[in-house]
């Protein structure tokens, strides 16, 4: 019997997210610095005759096993793109909230693509993998890499970025328990270009979607204030289009003490 292989769907954060302009294709021109937590959802899989998916975990109820599930779509799309006549039995353990700015669905799709490539013996650098990733969503290519990188265009034109101070930095993710769709947040952007992002100056960057997101979910402002008040928190932002926020900490002890003060969903981790 083929053994299950496992991939982690690492939670994504945006250390900065500058929105520069609306594009004719409905997307926006962005400049963002992606980073990834050491934790997230878990995807397991083994060879099978067909492609199937089951879901468990504390947030399993937030997802359906249907045509809209990005993990399922990822496996099906890679099969079509490569012409490989194989199946896979997938199981997703869901820990990240959906519609939360943490790239949960995108990370699940990316982890599935990495997993399918291993099981179907596809070269991990095969162009079909990134082509499928781009077709599934703007964040999926970054989630394929799951390492700190600078994103431009829709966010899927990626440039490697290294900041030794980030690796292993204690991280606390938090979410007020309210799903927030990306579309309305971008629609509420005030269209003002506030300038370019210099990746090396990410601490001086912005998240240009924060005001728009707070207008829809005011609890984000409460969560940001709560994180900023925590001892040892040295950097606090909303991630992506929200509603999740995060804080970076000086130490694991400070992070863990802060986590005890968060009455919402939260996850303790560190930057990969």
Protein backbone atom coordinates (compact mmCIF):
# COMPACT_ATOMS: atom_id res chain seq x y z
CA UNK A 1 0.00 0.00 0.00
CA UNK A 2 1.31 3.43 -0.92
CA UNK A 3 2.14 5.49 2.14
CA UNK A 4 0.74 8.94 2.73
CA UNK A 5 3.12 11.82 2.08
CA UNK A 6 2.68 15.14 3.89
CA UNK A 7 3.11 18.81 3.02
CA UNK A 8 2.53 21.83 5.25
CA UNK A 9 0.39 24.63 3.82
CA UNK A 10 2.36 27.42 5.47
CA UNK A 11 0.38 30.49 6.57
CA UNK A 12 1.21 33.57 4.52
CA UNK A 13 1.63 37.08 5.88
CA UNK A 14 2.25 40.37 4.11
CA UNK A 15 4.88 42.37 5.95
CA UNK A 16 3.91 45.27 3.68
CA UNK A 17 1.31 45.63 0.94
CA UNK A 18 1.34 48.70 -1.29
CA UNK A 19 -1.52 49.06 -3.77
CA UNK A 20 -0.36 51.17 -6.72
CA UNK A 21 -3.15 51.10 -9.35
CA UNK A 22 -6.20 49.28 -10.64
CA UNK A 23 -5.56 47.13 -13.71
CA UNK A 24 -7.81 46.62 -16.73
CA UNK A 25 -8.03 42.89 -15.93
CA UNK A 26 -9.77 43.59 -12.62
CA UNK A 27 -6.71 42.98 -10.48
CA UNK A 28 -4.49 45.64 -8.92
CA UNK A 29 -0.81 46.42 -9.34
CA UNK A 30 0.78 45.56 -6.01
CA UNK A 31 4.11 45.60 -4.29
CA UNK A 32 4.27 43.29 -1.31
CA UNK A 33 6.74 41.49 0.86
CA UNK A 34 5.57 37.96 1.58
CA UNK A 35 6.74 35.98 4.58
CA UNK A 36 5.58 32.60 5.84
CA UNK A 37 4.92 31.05 9.21
CA UNK A 38 6.37 27.71 10.20
CA UNK A 39 2.82 26.42 10.74
CA UNK A 40 -0.44 26.23 8.82
CA UNK A 41 -2.75 23.60 7.41
CA UNK A 42 -1.56 20.07 6.65
CA UNK A 43 -2.14 18.21 3.37
CA UNK A 44 -1.59 14.44 3.16
CA UNK A 45 -1.92 12.29 0.07
CA UNK A 46 -1.29 8.89 -1.46
CA UNK A 47 -1.63 7.44 -4.93
CA UNK A 48 -5.14 6.40 -5.93
CA UNK A 49 -7.20 5.63 -9.01
CA UNK A 50 -9.09 8.92 -8.87
CA UNK A 51 -8.67 12.36 -7.32
CA UNK A 52 -10.52 12.75 -4.02
CA UNK A 53 -10.40 14.96 -0.94
CA UNK A 54 -11.47 14.65 2.68
CA UNK A 55 -11.18 17.38 5.32
CA UNK A 56 -10.75 17.34 9.10
CA UNK A 57 -9.34 19.68 11.72
CA UNK A 58 -10.75 22.38 13.99
CA UNK A 59 -11.84 24.61 11.08
CA UNK A 60 -12.96 21.84 8.73
CA UNK A 61 -16.52 23.15 8.84
CA UNK A 62 -15.47 26.31 7.02
CA UNK A 63 -14.74 24.41 3.79
CA UNK A 64 -16.63 22.19 1.42
CA UNK A 65 -15.37 19.26 -0.63
CA UNK A 66 -16.62 20.64 -3.92
CA UNK A 67 -15.50 22.19 -7.18
CA UNK A 68 -14.55 25.45 -5.42
CA UNK A 69 -12.02 23.81 -3.10
CA UNK A 70 -8.60 25.07 -4.19
CA UNK A 71 -6.74 21.95 -3.08
CA UNK A 72 -9.01 19.75 -5.18
CA UNK A 73 -8.81 22.14 -8.12
CA UNK A 74 -5.02 22.18 -7.90
CA UNK A 75 -4.72 18.41 -8.24
CA UNK A 76 -7.23 18.27 -11.08
CA UNK A 77 -5.57 21.14 -12.96
CA UNK A 78 -2.09 19.63 -12.66
CA UNK A 79 -3.39 16.33 -14.00
CA UNK A 80 -4.79 18.11 -17.05
CA UNK A 81 -1.66 20.24 -17.52
CA UNK A 82 0.74 17.29 -17.40
CA UNK A 83 -1.43 14.63 -19.00
CA UNK A 84 -0.43 12.19 -16.26
CA UNK A 85 -2.96 9.41 -15.86
CA UNK A 86 -2.83 9.05 -12.08
CA UNK A 87 -5.06 9.88 -9.15
CA UNK A 88 -4.48 10.95 -5.59
CA UNK A 89 -6.36 10.55 -2.33
CA UNK A 90 -5.97 13.85 -0.47
CA UNK A 91 -6.70 14.72 3.13
CA UNK A 92 -6.64 18.31 4.40
CA UNK A 93 -6.32 19.15 8.09
CA UNK A 94 -7.72 22.66 8.39
CA UNK A 95 -6.29 24.96 11.07
CA UNK A 96 -6.25 28.34 9.27
CA UNK A 97 -9.41 30.44 8.97
CA UNK A 98 -10.78 31.05 5.48
CA UNK A 99 -11.16 34.48 3.83
CA UNK A 100 -8.66 35.70 6.39
CA UNK A 101 -5.66 37.24 4.60
CA UNK A 102 -3.39 34.33 5.56
CA UNK A 103 -3.47 32.66 2.15
CA UNK A 104 -5.20 29.60 3.59
CA UNK A 105 -6.80 28.40 0.38
CA UNK A 106 -3.79 29.46 -1.69
CA UNK A 107 -1.44 27.69 0.72
CA UNK A 108 -3.59 24.55 0.56
CA UNK A 109 -3.44 24.64 -3.25
CA UNK A 110 0.33 25.18 -3.23
CA UNK A 111 0.93 22.37 -0.74
CA UNK A 112 -1.25 20.10 -2.88
CA UNK A 113 0.77 20.93 -5.99
CA UNK A 114 4.03 20.17 -4.18
CA UNK A 115 2.56 16.93 -2.84
CA UNK A 116 1.13 15.80 -6.18
CA UNK A 117 4.47 16.51 -7.86
CA UNK A 118 6.20 14.22 -5.36
CA UNK A 119 3.67 11.40 -5.69
CA UNK A 120 3.43 11.61 -9.47
CA UNK A 121 7.21 12.02 -9.81
CA UNK A 122 6.98 15.39 -11.54
CA UNK A 123 10.08 17.59 -11.54
CA UNK A 124 9.37 20.25 -8.85
CA UNK A 125 10.70 22.86 -11.29
CA UNK A 126 8.38 21.73 -14.11
CA UNK A 127 6.78 24.85 -15.64
CA UNK A 128 3.31 23.28 -15.45
CA UNK A 129 3.37 23.61 -11.66
CA UNK A 130 3.78 27.38 -11.65
CA UNK A 131 1.41 27.76 -14.59
CA UNK A 132 -1.31 25.97 -12.64
CA UNK A 133 -0.44 28.00 -9.54
CA UNK A 134 -0.91 31.28 -11.43
CA UNK A 135 -4.25 30.11 -12.79
CA UNK A 136 -5.56 29.38 -9.30
CA UNK A 137 -4.89 32.75 -7.70
CA UNK A 138 -2.44 35.61 -7.30
CA UNK A 139 -1.02 34.32 -3.98
CA UNK A 140 -0.54 30.69 -5.02
CA UNK A 141 2.86 31.17 -6.74
CA UNK A 142 4.31 32.76 -3.60
CA UNK A 143 2.82 29.95 -1.53
CA UNK A 144 4.53 27.40 -3.78
CA UNK A 145 7.85 28.84 -2.65
CA UNK A 146 6.71 29.56 0.93
CA UNK A 147 9.75 31.69 1.60
CA UNK A 148 10.22 35.42 2.09
CA UNK A 149 10.00 37.14 -1.29
CA UNK A 150 9.05 40.42 -2.95
CA UNK A 151 5.92 40.31 -5.10
CA UNK A 152 4.99 42.69 -7.90
CA UNK A 153 2.24 42.89 -10.52
CA UNK A 154 -0.74 40.95 -9.18
CA UNK A 155 1.64 39.71 -6.50
CA UNK A 156 2.72 36.74 -8.60
CA UNK A 157 5.88 38.24 -10.12
CA UNK A 158 8.34 37.14 -7.45
CA UNK A 159 11.86 38.21 -6.54
CA UNK A 160 13.86 36.41 -3.87
CA UNK A 161 14.50 38.47 -0.75
CA UNK A 162 16.62 37.70 2.28
CA UNK A 163 16.60 39.40 5.65
CA UNK A 164 18.53 37.32 8.21
CA UNK A 165 16.77 39.14 11.04
CA UNK A 166 13.43 37.63 9.99
CA UNK A 167 14.30 33.95 10.05
CA UNK A 168 12.96 32.35 13.22
CA UNK A 169 11.40 35.58 14.52
CA UNK A 170 8.51 34.75 16.91
CA UNK A 171 5.15 35.37 15.25
CA UNK A 172 1.59 35.52 16.53
CA UNK A 173 -1.30 35.29 14.06
CA UNK A 174 -4.79 36.38 15.12
CA UNK A 175 -8.22 36.68 13.54
CA UNK A 176 -11.45 38.18 14.96
CA UNK A 177 -13.50 35.25 13.68
CA UNK A 178 -15.11 37.14 10.81
CA UNK A 179 -14.57 36.04 7.21
CA UNK A 180 -13.69 38.94 4.92
CA UNK A 181 -13.83 38.52 1.15
CA UNK A 182 -11.00 40.08 -0.83
CA UNK A 183 -13.17 41.76 -3.49
CA UNK A 184 -15.02 44.27 -1.29
CA UNK A 185 -11.78 45.29 0.45
CA UNK A 186 -10.04 46.08 -2.83
CA UNK A 187 -13.19 47.81 -4.07
CA UNK A 188 -13.00 50.09 -1.03
CA UNK A 189 -9.39 51.13 -1.72
CA UNK A 190 -9.32 54.91 -2.14
CA UNK A 191 -7.26 54.66 -5.40
CA UNK A 192 -4.50 56.86 -3.96
CA UNK A 193 -0.98 55.72 -4.84
CA UNK A 194 1.07 56.34 -1.70
CA UNK A 195 4.37 55.29 -3.21
CA UNK A 196 6.61 52.33 -3.89
CA UNK A 197 7.75 49.65 -1.48
CA UNK A 198 11.48 49.18 -0.89
CA UNK A 199 11.66 45.58 0.37
CA UNK A 200 14.71 46.24 2.53
CA UNK A 201 12.67 48.93 4.33
CA UNK A 202 9.67 46.70 5.02
CA UNK A 203 9.32 48.01 8.56
CA UNK A 204 8.60 51.41 7.05
CA UNK A 205 6.04 49.98 4.66
CA UNK A 206 2.25 49.98 4.83
CA UNK A 207 -0.79 47.85 4.24
CA UNK A 208 -2.86 50.08 1.99
CA UNK A 209 -5.96 47.92 2.48
CA UNK A 210 -6.21 48.36 6.24
CA UNK A 211 -8.60 51.33 6.19
CA UNK A 212 -10.89 49.66 3.68
CA UNK A 213 -10.92 46.40 5.64
CA UNK A 214 -11.67 48.15 8.95
CA UNK A 215 -14.61 49.94 7.31
CA UNK A 216 -16.14 46.50 6.68
CA UNK A 217 -14.94 44.71 9.85
CA UNK A 218 -14.30 47.26 12.64
CA UNK A 219 -13.06 44.47 14.88
CA UNK A 220 -9.79 44.58 12.93
CA UNK A 221 -8.96 47.93 14.55
CA UNK A 222 -9.61 46.42 17.98
CA UNK A 223 -7.35 43.48 17.21
CA UNK A 224 -4.55 45.69 15.92
CA UNK A 225 -4.72 47.83 19.06
CA UNK A 226 -4.67 44.74 21.25
CA UNK A 227 -1.60 43.34 19.50
CA UNK A 228 0.21 46.68 19.63
CA UNK A 229 -0.36 46.80 23.40
CA UNK A 230 1.42 43.49 24.00
CA UNK A 231 4.80 43.60 25.70
CA UNK A 232 7.60 42.63 23.31
CA UNK A 233 5.59 43.18 20.12
CA UNK A 234 7.93 45.01 17.74
CA UNK A 235 5.88 45.01 14.52
CA UNK A 236 2.08 44.77 14.05
CA UNK A 237 0.11 44.76 10.80
CA UNK A 238 -3.01 43.44 9.13
CA UNK A 239 -2.15 40.67 6.66
CA UNK A 240 -3.32 40.81 3.07
CA UNK A 241 -6.88 42.06 2.74
CA UNK A 242 -7.70 40.99 6.31
CA UNK A 243 -9.25 40.25 8.63
CA UNK A 244 -6.23 38.49 10.15
CA UNK A 245 -3.51 40.51 11.84
CA UNK A 246 -0.10 39.54 13.16
CA UNK A 247 2.64 40.65 15.51
CA UNK A 248 6.36 39.94 15.52
CA UNK A 249 8.00 39.60 18.93
CA UNK A 250 11.36 39.99 20.56
CA UNK A 251 11.19 36.56 22.16
CA UNK A 252 9.18 33.34 22.31
CA UNK A 253 8.29 34.13 25.92
CA UNK A 254 6.81 37.50 24.95
CA UNK A 255 4.88 35.91 22.09
CA UNK A 256 3.44 33.18 24.33
CA UNK A 257 2.47 35.68 27.02
CA UNK A 258 0.72 37.81 24.39
CA UNK A 259 -1.15 34.80 23.00
CA UNK A 260 -2.75 34.29 26.40
CA UNK A 261 -4.27 37.78 26.10
CA UNK A 262 -5.92 37.25 22.70
CA UNK A 263 -9.61 36.29 23.03
CA UNK A 264 -9.90 35.53 19.29
CA UNK A 265 -8.56 32.73 17.10
CA UNK A 266 -4.78 32.81 17.19
CA UNK A 267 -1.79 30.68 16.23
CA UNK A 268 1.70 30.80 17.72
CA UNK A 269 4.49 30.33 15.20
CA UNK A 270 7.74 31.83 13.89
CA UNK A 271 8.89 33.15 10.52
CA UNK A 272 10.33 30.42 8.29
